[in-house]
């Protein structure tokens, strides 16, 4: 039997995924979780073979759970199931260790087939996701001046972004910018909000993809 953990905050989607697992003779529903906190409790109680993971959770990004799974539970395969079909979300999830990526509109058979493919060593991707991925790899986007204005970064935030992209700590950034530590972290939080990310690594990655900072 293949033990599956479902991590999804939307009740209907979570129940649908759980029912797909329960209806399949070769799969067993280990647990359901509607948040990062619940997912971590479930992982502490028993390690699944496969995690079906939503990225947009109420208490944080599913990307952080991908990091934890990769370092603490490398034997668990992770299949991201999300409505987030943009290229940056796809690449961030794959870079953090996701074994596959499906959109939530995948039918029941598609979900089971993706789990089978993941367990067989494959990398299941929804067709639309594969198209996004190919486009991103073939021609990395650069933000136009108008797009940068839409993001709304001010001079201080852009300066901070460039410094953390160089690997500097917040203490070092604060010294260079003449800011107190608390002020620096406040700038960082606002920067993350505008870039729609949840960590330093995600901010740097997104900025590189948009051409706001150079790749290391």
N, C-alpha and C. Protein backbone atom coordinates (compact mmCIF):
# COMPACT_ATOMS: atom_id res chain seq x y z
N UNK A 1 0.84 -1.20 0.00
CA UNK A 1 0.00 0.00 0.00
C UNK A 1 0.88 1.25 0.00
N UNK A 2 0.42 2.27 -0.73
CA UNK A 2 1.13 3.54 -0.80
C UNK A 2 0.40 4.53 0.11
N UNK A 3 1.11 5.01 1.13
CA UNK A 3 0.52 5.97 2.06
C UNK A 3 0.62 7.39 1.51
N UNK A 4 -0.51 8.11 1.54
CA UNK A 4 -0.59 9.44 0.94
C UNK A 4 -1.06 10.46 1.98
N UNK A 5 -0.35 11.57 2.05
CA UNK A 5 -0.76 12.72 2.88
C UNK A 5 -1.29 13.81 1.96
N UNK A 6 -2.50 14.30 2.23
CA UNK A 6 -3.10 15.38 1.45
C UNK A 6 -3.01 16.68 2.24
N UNK A 7 -2.35 17.68 1.66
CA UNK A 7 -2.22 18.99 2.30
C UNK A 7 -2.88 20.03 1.41
N UNK A 8 -4.05 20.47 1.82
CA UNK A 8 -4.87 21.38 1.01
C UNK A 8 -5.82 22.13 1.92
N UNK A 9 -5.85 23.47 1.81
CA UNK A 9 -6.66 24.25 2.74
C UNK A 9 -8.12 24.36 2.33
N UNK A 10 -8.43 24.20 1.06
CA UNK A 10 -9.81 24.34 0.60
C UNK A 10 -10.55 23.02 0.86
N UNK A 11 -11.58 23.04 1.73
CA UNK A 11 -12.21 21.79 2.18
C UNK A 11 -12.73 20.90 1.04
N UNK A 12 -13.39 21.48 0.05
CA UNK A 12 -13.95 20.66 -1.02
C UNK A 12 -12.85 19.96 -1.81
N UNK A 13 -11.80 20.70 -2.14
CA UNK A 13 -10.69 20.11 -2.87
C UNK A 13 -10.01 19.04 -2.03
N UNK A 14 -9.81 19.31 -0.75
CA UNK A 14 -9.17 18.34 0.14
C UNK A 14 -10.00 17.06 0.22
N UNK A 15 -11.31 17.21 0.37
CA UNK A 15 -12.18 16.04 0.46
C UNK A 15 -12.18 15.26 -0.85
N UNK A 16 -12.15 15.97 -1.98
CA UNK A 16 -12.12 15.29 -3.28
C UNK A 16 -10.84 14.48 -3.43
N UNK A 17 -9.71 15.08 -3.09
CA UNK A 17 -8.44 14.37 -3.19
C UNK A 17 -8.41 13.17 -2.25
N UNK A 18 -8.94 13.36 -1.04
CA UNK A 18 -8.98 12.27 -0.08
C UNK A 18 -9.84 11.12 -0.60
N UNK A 19 -10.96 11.46 -1.22
CA UNK A 19 -11.85 10.42 -1.74
C UNK A 19 -11.21 9.66 -2.90
N UNK A 20 -10.41 10.34 -3.71
CA UNK A 20 -9.69 9.68 -4.80
C UNK A 20 -8.73 8.64 -4.24
N UNK A 21 -8.01 9.03 -3.18
CA UNK A 21 -7.05 8.12 -2.55
C UNK A 21 -7.77 6.93 -1.92
N UNK A 22 -8.85 7.20 -1.19
CA UNK A 22 -9.57 6.15 -0.49
C UNK A 22 -10.24 5.16 -1.45
N UNK A 23 -10.60 5.64 -2.64
CA UNK A 23 -11.28 4.78 -3.60
C UNK A 23 -10.33 3.86 -4.36
N UNK A 24 -9.04 4.12 -4.29
CA UNK A 24 -8.07 3.34 -5.05
C UNK A 24 -7.51 2.20 -4.18
N UNK A 25 -7.56 0.97 -4.66
CA UNK A 25 -7.13 -0.17 -3.83
C UNK A 25 -5.64 -0.17 -3.47
N UNK A 26 -4.82 0.51 -4.25
CA UNK A 26 -3.39 0.50 -3.99
C UNK A 26 -2.90 1.70 -3.18
N UNK A 27 -3.83 2.59 -2.81
CA UNK A 27 -3.47 3.79 -2.08
C UNK A 27 -4.17 3.82 -0.72
N UNK A 28 -3.51 4.42 0.25
CA UNK A 28 -4.10 4.56 1.58
C UNK A 28 -3.93 5.99 2.05
N UNK A 29 -5.03 6.58 2.51
CA UNK A 29 -4.98 7.97 3.00
C UNK A 29 -4.38 7.96 4.40
N UNK A 30 -3.17 8.48 4.53
CA UNK A 30 -2.49 8.52 5.82
C UNK A 30 -3.08 9.61 6.70
N UNK A 31 -3.31 10.79 6.09
CA UNK A 31 -3.88 11.91 6.85
C UNK A 31 -4.26 13.02 5.90
N UNK A 32 -5.10 13.94 6.40
CA UNK A 32 -5.44 15.16 5.68
C UNK A 32 -4.97 16.35 6.52
N UNK A 33 -4.54 17.42 5.85
CA UNK A 33 -4.10 18.62 6.56
C UNK A 33 -4.57 19.85 5.80
N UNK A 34 -5.02 20.85 6.56
CA UNK A 34 -5.49 22.08 5.93
C UNK A 34 -4.55 23.26 6.13
N UNK A 35 -3.38 22.99 6.72
CA UNK A 35 -2.42 24.06 6.99
C UNK A 35 -1.03 23.47 7.14
N UNK A 36 -0.02 24.35 7.18
CA UNK A 36 1.34 23.88 7.42
C UNK A 36 1.45 23.23 8.80
N UNK A 37 0.81 23.84 9.79
CA UNK A 37 0.86 23.30 11.15
C UNK A 37 0.31 21.88 11.19
N UNK A 38 -0.84 21.66 10.57
CA UNK A 38 -1.43 20.33 10.57
C UNK A 38 -0.58 19.35 9.76
N UNK A 39 0.02 19.83 8.69
CA UNK A 39 0.88 18.96 7.87
C UNK A 39 2.10 18.50 8.67
N UNK A 40 2.70 19.41 9.42
CA UNK A 40 3.87 19.05 10.22
C UNK A 40 3.49 18.06 11.32
N UNK A 41 2.31 18.21 11.91
CA UNK A 41 1.86 17.26 12.92
C UNK A 41 1.65 15.88 12.29
N UNK A 42 1.09 15.85 11.08
CA UNK A 42 0.87 14.59 10.39
C UNK A 42 2.20 13.91 10.05
N UNK A 43 3.19 14.70 9.63
CA UNK A 43 4.49 14.14 9.29
C UNK A 43 5.20 13.61 10.53
N UNK A 44 4.97 14.24 11.66
CA UNK A 44 5.57 13.76 12.90
C UNK A 44 4.96 12.44 13.35
N UNK A 45 3.70 12.22 12.97
CA UNK A 45 3.00 10.99 13.37
C UNK A 45 3.31 9.81 12.45
N UNK A 46 3.65 10.08 11.21
CA UNK A 46 3.93 8.98 10.28
C UNK A 46 4.37 9.51 8.93
N UNK A 47 5.36 8.88 8.35
CA UNK A 47 5.92 9.36 7.09
C UNK A 47 5.16 8.77 5.90
N UNK A 48 4.62 9.62 5.02
CA UNK A 48 3.92 9.13 3.83
C UNK A 48 4.89 8.77 2.72
N UNK A 49 4.40 8.01 1.76
CA UNK A 49 5.17 7.73 0.55
C UNK A 49 5.03 8.88 -0.44
N UNK A 50 3.84 9.51 -0.42
CA UNK A 50 3.55 10.60 -1.35
C UNK A 50 2.81 11.71 -0.60
N UNK A 51 3.18 12.96 -0.90
CA UNK A 51 2.47 14.12 -0.36
C UNK A 51 1.84 14.88 -1.51
N UNK A 52 0.52 15.06 -1.45
CA UNK A 52 -0.18 15.93 -2.39
C UNK A 52 -0.25 17.30 -1.72
N UNK A 53 0.41 18.28 -2.30
CA UNK A 53 0.65 19.54 -1.59
C UNK A 53 0.15 20.75 -2.34
N UNK A 54 -0.67 21.55 -1.66
CA UNK A 54 -1.09 22.85 -2.17
C UNK A 54 -0.05 23.88 -1.75
N UNK A 55 0.23 24.86 -2.60
CA UNK A 55 1.23 25.88 -2.27
C UNK A 55 0.65 27.01 -1.43
N UNK A 56 -0.62 27.35 -1.65
CA UNK A 56 -1.21 28.49 -0.95
C UNK A 56 -1.94 28.06 0.31
N UNK A 57 -1.24 28.01 1.43
CA UNK A 57 -1.83 27.58 2.70
C UNK A 57 -2.05 28.78 3.62
N UNK A 58 -2.99 28.70 4.54
CA UNK A 58 -3.35 29.88 5.34
C UNK A 58 -2.25 30.37 6.27
N UNK A 59 -1.34 29.49 6.68
CA UNK A 59 -0.30 29.90 7.62
C UNK A 59 1.09 29.91 6.99
N UNK A 60 1.15 30.00 5.66
CA UNK A 60 2.43 30.09 4.98
C UNK A 60 2.42 29.41 3.63
N UNK A 61 3.56 29.44 2.98
CA UNK A 61 3.68 28.85 1.65
C UNK A 61 4.03 27.37 1.75
N UNK A 62 3.41 26.57 0.87
CA UNK A 62 3.76 25.16 0.80
C UNK A 62 5.20 24.94 0.38
N UNK A 63 5.82 25.97 -0.18
CA UNK A 63 7.23 25.85 -0.55
C UNK A 63 8.11 25.57 0.66
N UNK A 64 7.75 26.12 1.82
CA UNK A 64 8.55 25.86 3.01
C UNK A 64 8.46 24.39 3.42
N UNK A 65 7.30 23.77 3.20
CA UNK A 65 7.17 22.36 3.51
C UNK A 65 7.99 21.52 2.53
N UNK A 66 8.09 21.97 1.29
CA UNK A 66 8.95 21.29 0.32
C UNK A 66 10.39 21.27 0.81
N UNK A 67 10.85 22.39 1.35
CA UNK A 67 12.21 22.45 1.90
C UNK A 67 12.40 21.43 3.02
N UNK A 68 11.41 21.36 3.91
CA UNK A 68 11.51 20.44 5.05
C UNK A 68 11.48 18.99 4.59
N UNK A 69 10.63 18.69 3.62
CA UNK A 69 10.55 17.32 3.11
C UNK A 69 11.86 16.91 2.45
N UNK A 70 12.46 17.83 1.72
CA UNK A 70 13.70 17.52 1.02
C UNK A 70 14.83 17.22 1.98
N UNK A 71 14.87 17.95 3.10
CA UNK A 71 15.98 17.77 4.04
C UNK A 71 15.70 16.70 5.10
N UNK A 72 14.45 16.63 5.58
CA UNK A 72 14.14 15.72 6.68
C UNK A 72 13.51 14.40 6.22
N UNK A 73 12.79 14.43 5.10
CA UNK A 73 12.10 13.22 4.63
C UNK A 73 12.31 13.03 3.13
N UNK A 74 13.55 12.85 2.71
CA UNK A 74 13.84 12.77 1.27
C UNK A 74 13.18 11.58 0.57
N UNK A 75 12.72 10.60 1.34
CA UNK A 75 12.09 9.44 0.72
C UNK A 75 10.66 9.67 0.28
N UNK A 76 10.07 10.76 0.74
CA UNK A 76 8.67 11.05 0.38
C UNK A 76 8.62 11.80 -0.94
N UNK A 77 7.80 11.32 -1.87
CA UNK A 77 7.61 12.02 -3.13
C UNK A 77 6.55 13.09 -2.97
N UNK A 78 6.75 14.23 -3.60
CA UNK A 78 5.80 15.34 -3.46
C UNK A 78 5.22 15.73 -4.81
N UNK A 79 3.91 15.79 -4.84
CA UNK A 79 3.19 16.20 -6.05
C UNK A 79 2.42 17.46 -5.71
N UNK A 80 2.83 18.59 -6.27
CA UNK A 80 2.16 19.86 -6.02
C UNK A 80 0.87 19.92 -6.82
N UNK A 81 -0.21 20.24 -6.15
CA UNK A 81 -1.51 20.41 -6.81
C UNK A 81 -2.00 21.80 -6.46
N UNK A 82 -2.10 22.66 -7.46
CA UNK A 82 -2.37 24.07 -7.19
C UNK A 82 -3.10 24.73 -8.34
N UNK A 83 -3.71 25.86 -8.05
CA UNK A 83 -4.29 26.69 -9.11
C UNK A 83 -3.24 27.66 -9.64
N UNK A 84 -2.09 27.70 -8.99
CA UNK A 84 -1.03 28.63 -9.39
C UNK A 84 -0.30 28.07 -10.59
N UNK A 85 -0.71 28.50 -11.79
CA UNK A 85 -0.13 27.96 -13.00
C UNK A 85 0.92 28.84 -13.64
N UNK A 86 1.43 29.85 -12.90
CA UNK A 86 2.41 30.72 -13.51
C UNK A 86 3.80 30.09 -13.45
N UNK A 87 4.67 30.53 -14.37
CA UNK A 87 5.96 29.91 -14.53
C UNK A 87 6.82 29.98 -13.27
N UNK A 88 6.81 31.11 -12.59
CA UNK A 88 7.69 31.26 -11.42
C UNK A 88 7.29 30.29 -10.32
N UNK A 89 5.98 30.05 -10.12
CA UNK A 89 5.54 29.10 -9.10
C UNK A 89 5.99 27.69 -9.46
N UNK A 90 5.90 27.35 -10.75
CA UNK A 90 6.32 26.03 -11.21
C UNK A 90 7.80 25.82 -10.91
N UNK A 91 8.63 26.77 -11.33
CA UNK A 91 10.07 26.61 -11.15
C UNK A 91 10.46 26.62 -9.69
N UNK A 92 9.83 27.46 -8.89
CA UNK A 92 10.17 27.49 -7.46
C UNK A 92 9.85 26.15 -6.82
N UNK A 93 8.69 25.58 -7.17
CA UNK A 93 8.30 24.30 -6.59
C UNK A 93 9.25 23.19 -7.01
N UNK A 94 9.61 23.16 -8.29
CA UNK A 94 10.51 22.12 -8.79
C UNK A 94 11.90 22.27 -8.18
N UNK A 95 12.37 23.51 -8.09
CA UNK A 95 13.69 23.75 -7.49
C UNK A 95 13.73 23.35 -6.02
N UNK A 96 12.58 23.40 -5.35
CA UNK A 96 12.54 23.06 -3.92
C UNK A 96 12.31 21.56 -3.71
N UNK A 97 12.24 20.77 -4.80
CA UNK A 97 12.16 19.33 -4.64
C UNK A 97 10.86 18.68 -5.03
N UNK A 98 9.90 19.43 -5.58
CA UNK A 98 8.64 18.81 -6.03
C UNK A 98 8.92 17.82 -7.15
N UNK A 99 8.30 16.66 -7.06
CA UNK A 99 8.50 15.65 -8.09
C UNK A 99 7.57 15.79 -9.26
N UNK A 100 6.51 16.58 -9.11
CA UNK A 100 5.55 16.79 -10.18
C UNK A 100 4.65 17.95 -9.84
N UNK A 101 3.87 18.40 -10.82
CA UNK A 101 3.06 19.60 -10.63
C UNK A 101 1.79 19.46 -11.47
N UNK A 102 0.65 19.42 -10.78
CA UNK A 102 -0.64 19.32 -11.45
C UNK A 102 -1.53 20.48 -11.06
N UNK A 103 -2.36 20.91 -11.98
CA UNK A 103 -3.37 21.90 -11.64
C UNK A 103 -4.57 21.20 -11.00
N UNK A 104 -5.34 21.97 -10.23
CA UNK A 104 -6.43 21.37 -9.47
C UNK A 104 -7.58 20.87 -10.33
N UNK A 105 -7.58 21.26 -11.61
CA UNK A 105 -8.66 20.78 -12.47
C UNK A 105 -8.35 19.41 -13.08
N UNK A 106 -7.25 18.77 -12.68
CA UNK A 106 -6.94 17.42 -13.15
C UNK A 106 -8.06 16.48 -12.69
N UNK A 107 -8.47 15.57 -13.59
CA UNK A 107 -9.55 14.63 -13.21
C UNK A 107 -9.01 13.54 -12.29
N UNK A 108 -9.92 12.71 -11.77
CA UNK A 108 -9.54 11.69 -10.80
C UNK A 108 -8.48 10.75 -11.35
N UNK A 109 -8.70 10.29 -12.57
CA UNK A 109 -7.74 9.38 -13.20
C UNK A 109 -6.39 10.04 -13.37
N UNK A 110 -6.40 11.34 -13.67
CA UNK A 110 -5.15 12.07 -13.84
C UNK A 110 -4.36 12.16 -12.56
N UNK A 111 -5.05 12.33 -11.43
CA UNK A 111 -4.37 12.39 -10.13
C UNK A 111 -3.71 11.06 -9.81
N UNK A 112 -4.46 9.96 -10.00
CA UNK A 112 -3.92 8.62 -9.73
C UNK A 112 -2.75 8.32 -10.66
N UNK A 113 -2.91 8.67 -11.94
CA UNK A 113 -1.84 8.42 -12.91
C UNK A 113 -0.58 9.19 -12.54
N UNK A 114 -0.75 10.41 -12.04
CA UNK A 114 0.40 11.22 -11.64
C UNK A 114 1.12 10.59 -10.45
N UNK A 115 0.36 10.07 -9.49
CA UNK A 115 0.98 9.40 -8.34
C UNK A 115 1.75 8.18 -8.81
N UNK A 116 1.15 7.38 -9.70
CA UNK A 116 1.83 6.20 -10.24
C UNK A 116 3.13 6.59 -10.94
N UNK A 117 3.04 7.64 -11.74
CA UNK A 117 4.23 8.09 -12.48
C UNK A 117 5.31 8.58 -11.53
N UNK A 118 4.91 9.30 -10.49
CA UNK A 118 5.86 9.79 -9.50
C UNK A 118 6.57 8.63 -8.81
N UNK A 119 5.81 7.62 -8.41
CA UNK A 119 6.39 6.46 -7.72
C UNK A 119 7.30 5.65 -8.64
N UNK A 120 7.04 5.73 -9.95
CA UNK A 120 7.86 5.00 -10.91
C UNK A 120 9.12 5.78 -11.29
N UNK A 121 9.31 6.93 -10.67
CA UNK A 121 10.51 7.73 -10.95
C UNK A 121 10.32 8.80 -11.99
N UNK A 122 9.08 8.99 -12.45
CA UNK A 122 8.80 10.01 -13.45
C UNK A 122 8.57 11.37 -12.82
N UNK A 123 8.30 12.35 -13.67
CA UNK A 123 8.05 13.72 -13.22
C UNK A 123 6.76 14.22 -13.87
N UNK A 124 5.62 13.85 -13.31
CA UNK A 124 4.34 14.23 -13.93
C UNK A 124 4.09 15.73 -13.90
N UNK A 125 3.69 16.25 -15.05
CA UNK A 125 3.35 17.66 -15.18
C UNK A 125 2.07 17.78 -16.00
N UNK A 126 1.15 18.62 -15.56
CA UNK A 126 -0.01 18.92 -16.39
C UNK A 126 0.47 19.52 -17.70
N UNK A 127 -0.20 19.23 -18.82
CA UNK A 127 0.24 19.76 -20.11
C UNK A 127 0.43 21.27 -20.11
N UNK A 128 -0.49 22.00 -19.48
CA UNK A 128 -0.36 23.47 -19.46
C UNK A 128 0.85 23.90 -18.65
N UNK A 129 1.17 23.14 -17.60
CA UNK A 129 2.35 23.43 -16.79
C UNK A 129 3.61 23.18 -17.60
N UNK A 130 3.62 22.10 -18.35
CA UNK A 130 4.79 21.79 -19.19
C UNK A 130 5.03 22.90 -20.21
N UNK A 131 3.97 23.45 -20.77
CA UNK A 131 4.10 24.55 -21.72
C UNK A 131 4.71 25.77 -21.04
N UNK A 132 4.20 26.10 -19.83
CA UNK A 132 4.76 27.22 -19.07
C UNK A 132 6.25 27.03 -18.82
N UNK A 133 6.60 25.80 -18.43
CA UNK A 133 7.98 25.51 -18.09
C UNK A 133 8.89 25.66 -19.30
N UNK A 134 8.45 25.17 -20.43
CA UNK A 134 9.23 25.28 -21.66
C UNK A 134 9.43 26.75 -22.03
N UNK A 135 8.38 27.54 -21.91
CA UNK A 135 8.49 28.97 -22.24
C UNK A 135 9.50 29.66 -21.35
N UNK A 136 9.46 29.34 -20.06
CA UNK A 136 10.36 30.00 -19.13
C UNK A 136 11.81 29.61 -19.42
N UNK A 137 12.05 28.35 -19.72
CA UNK A 137 13.41 27.89 -19.97
C UNK A 137 13.95 28.42 -21.30
N UNK A 138 13.07 28.56 -22.28
CA UNK A 138 13.51 29.01 -23.59
C UNK A 138 13.79 30.51 -23.61
N UNK A 139 13.02 31.27 -22.88
CA UNK A 139 13.20 32.73 -22.92
C UNK A 139 12.85 33.33 -21.57
N UNK A 140 13.81 33.35 -20.64
CA UNK A 140 13.56 33.95 -19.33
C UNK A 140 13.06 35.39 -19.47
N UNK A 141 11.97 35.73 -18.79
CA UNK A 141 11.38 37.06 -18.96
C UNK A 141 12.20 38.16 -18.31
N UNK A 142 12.08 39.34 -18.84
CA UNK A 142 12.67 40.52 -18.23
C UNK A 142 11.55 41.53 -18.00
N UNK A 143 11.58 42.15 -16.87
CA UNK A 143 10.52 43.10 -16.55
C UNK A 143 10.75 44.40 -17.30
N UNK A 144 9.69 44.90 -17.91
CA UNK A 144 9.75 46.21 -18.54
C UNK A 144 9.67 47.27 -17.46
N UNK A 145 9.95 48.52 -17.82
CA UNK A 145 9.84 49.60 -16.85
C UNK A 145 8.43 49.69 -16.29
N UNK A 146 7.45 49.47 -17.16
CA UNK A 146 6.06 49.54 -16.72
C UNK A 146 5.76 48.43 -15.71
N UNK A 147 6.29 47.22 -15.97
CA UNK A 147 6.06 46.10 -15.06
C UNK A 147 6.73 46.33 -13.72
N UNK A 148 7.94 46.90 -13.75
CA UNK A 148 8.64 47.21 -12.51
C UNK A 148 7.85 48.23 -11.70
N UNK A 149 7.27 49.21 -12.40
CA UNK A 149 6.44 50.21 -11.73
C UNK A 149 5.20 49.55 -11.12
N UNK A 150 4.63 48.56 -11.84
CA UNK A 150 3.46 47.85 -11.33
C UNK A 150 3.80 47.09 -10.05
N UNK A 151 5.01 46.51 -9.99
CA UNK A 151 5.43 45.82 -8.77
C UNK A 151 5.52 46.81 -7.62
N UNK A 152 5.95 48.02 -7.93
CA UNK A 152 5.91 49.10 -6.95
C UNK A 152 7.08 49.16 -6.00
N UNK A 153 8.25 48.62 -6.40
CA UNK A 153 9.41 48.71 -5.53
C UNK A 153 9.96 50.13 -5.52
N UNK A 154 10.23 50.64 -4.33
CA UNK A 154 10.87 51.95 -4.27
C UNK A 154 12.39 51.78 -4.26
N UNK A 155 13.11 52.89 -4.25
CA UNK A 155 14.56 52.82 -4.35
C UNK A 155 15.21 52.05 -3.22
N UNK A 156 14.71 52.26 -2.00
CA UNK A 156 15.25 51.56 -0.84
C UNK A 156 15.05 50.05 -0.95
N UNK A 157 13.85 49.66 -1.36
CA UNK A 157 13.53 48.23 -1.47
C UNK A 157 14.37 47.57 -2.56
N UNK A 158 14.56 48.27 -3.67
CA UNK A 158 15.37 47.72 -4.74
C UNK A 158 16.83 47.60 -4.31
N UNK A 159 17.31 48.58 -3.55
CA UNK A 159 18.68 48.51 -3.05
C UNK A 159 18.83 47.33 -2.10
N UNK A 160 17.85 47.14 -1.20
CA UNK A 160 17.88 46.01 -0.28
C UNK A 160 17.87 44.69 -1.05
N UNK A 161 17.03 44.60 -2.08
CA UNK A 161 16.94 43.39 -2.89
C UNK A 161 18.28 43.04 -3.51
N UNK A 162 18.96 44.02 -4.05
CA UNK A 162 20.25 43.78 -4.68
C UNK A 162 21.29 43.32 -3.67
N UNK A 163 21.21 43.84 -2.45
CA UNK A 163 22.18 43.47 -1.42
C UNK A 163 21.93 42.04 -0.91
N UNK A 164 20.66 41.68 -0.68
CA UNK A 164 20.41 40.32 -0.19
C UNK A 164 20.67 39.30 -1.30
N UNK A 165 20.56 39.74 -2.57
CA UNK A 165 20.89 38.85 -3.69
C UNK A 165 22.38 38.51 -3.70
N UNK A 166 23.18 39.38 -3.08
CA UNK A 166 24.62 39.13 -2.98
C UNK A 166 24.96 38.24 -1.78
N UNK A 167 23.93 37.86 -1.02
CA UNK A 167 24.15 36.97 0.11
C UNK A 167 24.40 37.67 1.43
N UNK A 168 24.21 38.99 1.49
CA UNK A 168 24.45 39.73 2.73
C UNK A 168 23.33 39.48 3.74
N UNK A 169 23.68 39.45 5.01
CA UNK A 169 22.69 39.31 6.08
C UNK A 169 21.95 40.62 6.26
N UNK A 170 20.84 40.57 7.00
CA UNK A 170 20.10 41.80 7.27
C UNK A 170 20.95 42.78 8.09
N UNK A 171 21.77 42.26 9.00
CA UNK A 171 22.65 43.13 9.77
C UNK A 171 23.62 43.87 8.84
N UNK A 172 24.21 43.14 7.89
CA UNK A 172 25.15 43.75 6.95
C UNK A 172 24.46 44.73 6.02
N UNK A 173 23.24 44.36 5.59
CA UNK A 173 22.46 45.27 4.74
C UNK A 173 22.16 46.56 5.49
N UNK A 174 21.76 46.43 6.75
CA UNK A 174 21.44 47.60 7.56
C UNK A 174 22.63 48.54 7.71
N UNK A 175 23.81 47.96 7.92
CA UNK A 175 25.01 48.77 8.06
C UNK A 175 25.31 49.54 6.78
N UNK A 176 25.18 48.86 5.63
CA UNK A 176 25.47 49.50 4.35
C UNK A 176 24.45 50.58 4.00
N UNK A 177 23.20 50.33 4.40
CA UNK A 177 22.14 51.27 4.05
C UNK A 177 21.91 52.31 5.14
N UNK A 178 22.62 52.18 6.27
CA UNK A 178 22.44 53.12 7.37
C UNK A 178 21.10 52.97 8.05
N UNK A 179 20.63 51.72 8.19
CA UNK A 179 19.32 51.46 8.78
C UNK A 179 19.47 50.59 10.03
N UNK A 180 18.53 50.75 10.97
CA UNK A 180 18.46 49.86 12.11
C UNK A 180 17.95 48.50 11.65
N UNK A 181 18.25 47.45 12.43
CA UNK A 181 17.87 46.09 12.06
C UNK A 181 16.35 45.98 11.86
N UNK A 182 15.57 46.52 12.79
CA UNK A 182 14.11 46.42 12.69
C UNK A 182 13.59 47.12 11.43
N UNK A 183 14.22 48.23 11.07
CA UNK A 183 13.81 48.95 9.86
C UNK A 183 14.15 48.11 8.62
N UNK A 184 15.29 47.47 8.65
CA UNK A 184 15.69 46.62 7.53
C UNK A 184 14.71 45.48 7.33
N UNK A 185 14.34 44.81 8.42
CA UNK A 185 13.40 43.69 8.31
C UNK A 185 12.02 44.17 7.86
N UNK A 186 11.64 45.39 8.26
CA UNK A 186 10.36 45.94 7.81
C UNK A 186 10.37 46.17 6.29
N UNK A 187 11.49 46.69 5.78
CA UNK A 187 11.64 46.85 4.34
C UNK A 187 11.55 45.48 3.65
N UNK A 188 12.18 44.48 4.26
CA UNK A 188 12.20 43.15 3.67
C UNK A 188 10.79 42.57 3.59
N UNK A 189 9.99 42.74 4.66
CA UNK A 189 8.62 42.22 4.67
C UNK A 189 7.78 42.88 3.58
N UNK A 190 7.95 44.18 3.40
CA UNK A 190 7.20 44.89 2.36
C UNK A 190 7.67 44.45 0.98
N UNK A 191 8.97 44.21 0.85
CA UNK A 191 9.53 43.71 -0.41
C UNK A 191 8.92 42.36 -0.76
N UNK A 192 8.87 41.45 0.21
CA UNK A 192 8.29 40.12 -0.02
C UNK A 192 6.82 40.24 -0.44
N UNK A 193 6.11 41.15 0.23
CA UNK A 193 4.68 41.31 -0.10
C UNK A 193 4.50 41.76 -1.54
N UNK A 194 5.32 42.72 -1.98
CA UNK A 194 5.18 43.24 -3.34
C UNK A 194 5.58 42.20 -4.39
N UNK A 195 6.57 41.38 -4.07
CA UNK A 195 7.00 40.33 -5.00
C UNK A 195 6.15 39.08 -4.89
N UNK A 196 5.26 39.04 -3.88
CA UNK A 196 4.38 37.90 -3.63
C UNK A 196 5.19 36.64 -3.35
N UNK A 197 6.16 36.78 -2.45
CA UNK A 197 6.99 35.65 -2.04
C UNK A 197 6.99 35.58 -0.51
N UNK A 198 7.64 34.52 0.03
CA UNK A 198 7.60 34.31 1.47
C UNK A 198 8.98 34.15 2.11
N UNK A 199 10.03 34.27 1.34
CA UNK A 199 11.36 34.09 1.91
C UNK A 199 12.40 34.85 1.08
N UNK A 200 13.60 34.95 1.65
CA UNK A 200 14.71 35.60 0.96
C UNK A 200 15.02 34.87 -0.34
N UNK A 201 15.08 33.53 -0.29
CA UNK A 201 15.44 32.76 -1.48
C UNK A 201 14.42 32.98 -2.61
N UNK A 202 13.14 33.00 -2.26
CA UNK A 202 12.10 33.22 -3.26
C UNK A 202 12.20 34.62 -3.84
N UNK A 203 12.49 35.61 -2.99
CA UNK A 203 12.60 36.99 -3.46
C UNK A 203 13.74 37.14 -4.46
N UNK A 204 14.88 36.52 -4.14
CA UNK A 204 16.03 36.60 -5.04
C UNK A 204 15.73 35.89 -6.35
N UNK A 205 15.11 34.71 -6.25
CA UNK A 205 14.77 33.97 -7.47
C UNK A 205 13.84 34.78 -8.36
N UNK A 206 12.78 35.34 -7.77
CA UNK A 206 11.80 36.10 -8.54
C UNK A 206 12.46 37.33 -9.18
N UNK A 207 13.34 37.99 -8.42
CA UNK A 207 14.02 39.17 -8.93
C UNK A 207 14.95 38.82 -10.10
N UNK A 208 15.61 37.67 -10.00
CA UNK A 208 16.46 37.21 -11.10
C UNK A 208 15.65 36.93 -12.35
N UNK A 209 14.48 36.29 -12.16
CA UNK A 209 13.64 35.97 -13.32
C UNK A 209 13.11 37.23 -13.99
N UNK A 210 12.87 38.27 -13.21
CA UNK A 210 12.35 39.53 -13.76
C UNK A 210 13.46 40.44 -14.27
N UNK A 211 14.72 40.04 -14.02
CA UNK A 211 15.82 40.87 -14.48
C UNK A 211 16.12 42.04 -13.57
N UNK A 212 15.59 42.02 -12.35
CA UNK A 212 15.84 43.12 -11.41
C UNK A 212 17.23 43.00 -10.79
N UNK A 213 17.74 41.79 -10.67
CA UNK A 213 19.11 41.56 -10.20
C UNK A 213 19.73 40.50 -11.11
N UNK A 214 21.06 40.42 -11.13
CA UNK A 214 21.73 39.44 -11.94
C UNK A 214 21.73 38.07 -11.29
N UNK A 215 21.89 37.02 -12.11
CA UNK A 215 21.99 35.67 -11.59
C UNK A 215 23.40 35.44 -11.07
N UNK A 216 23.48 34.69 -9.97
CA UNK A 216 24.80 34.41 -9.41
C UNK A 216 25.49 33.31 -10.20
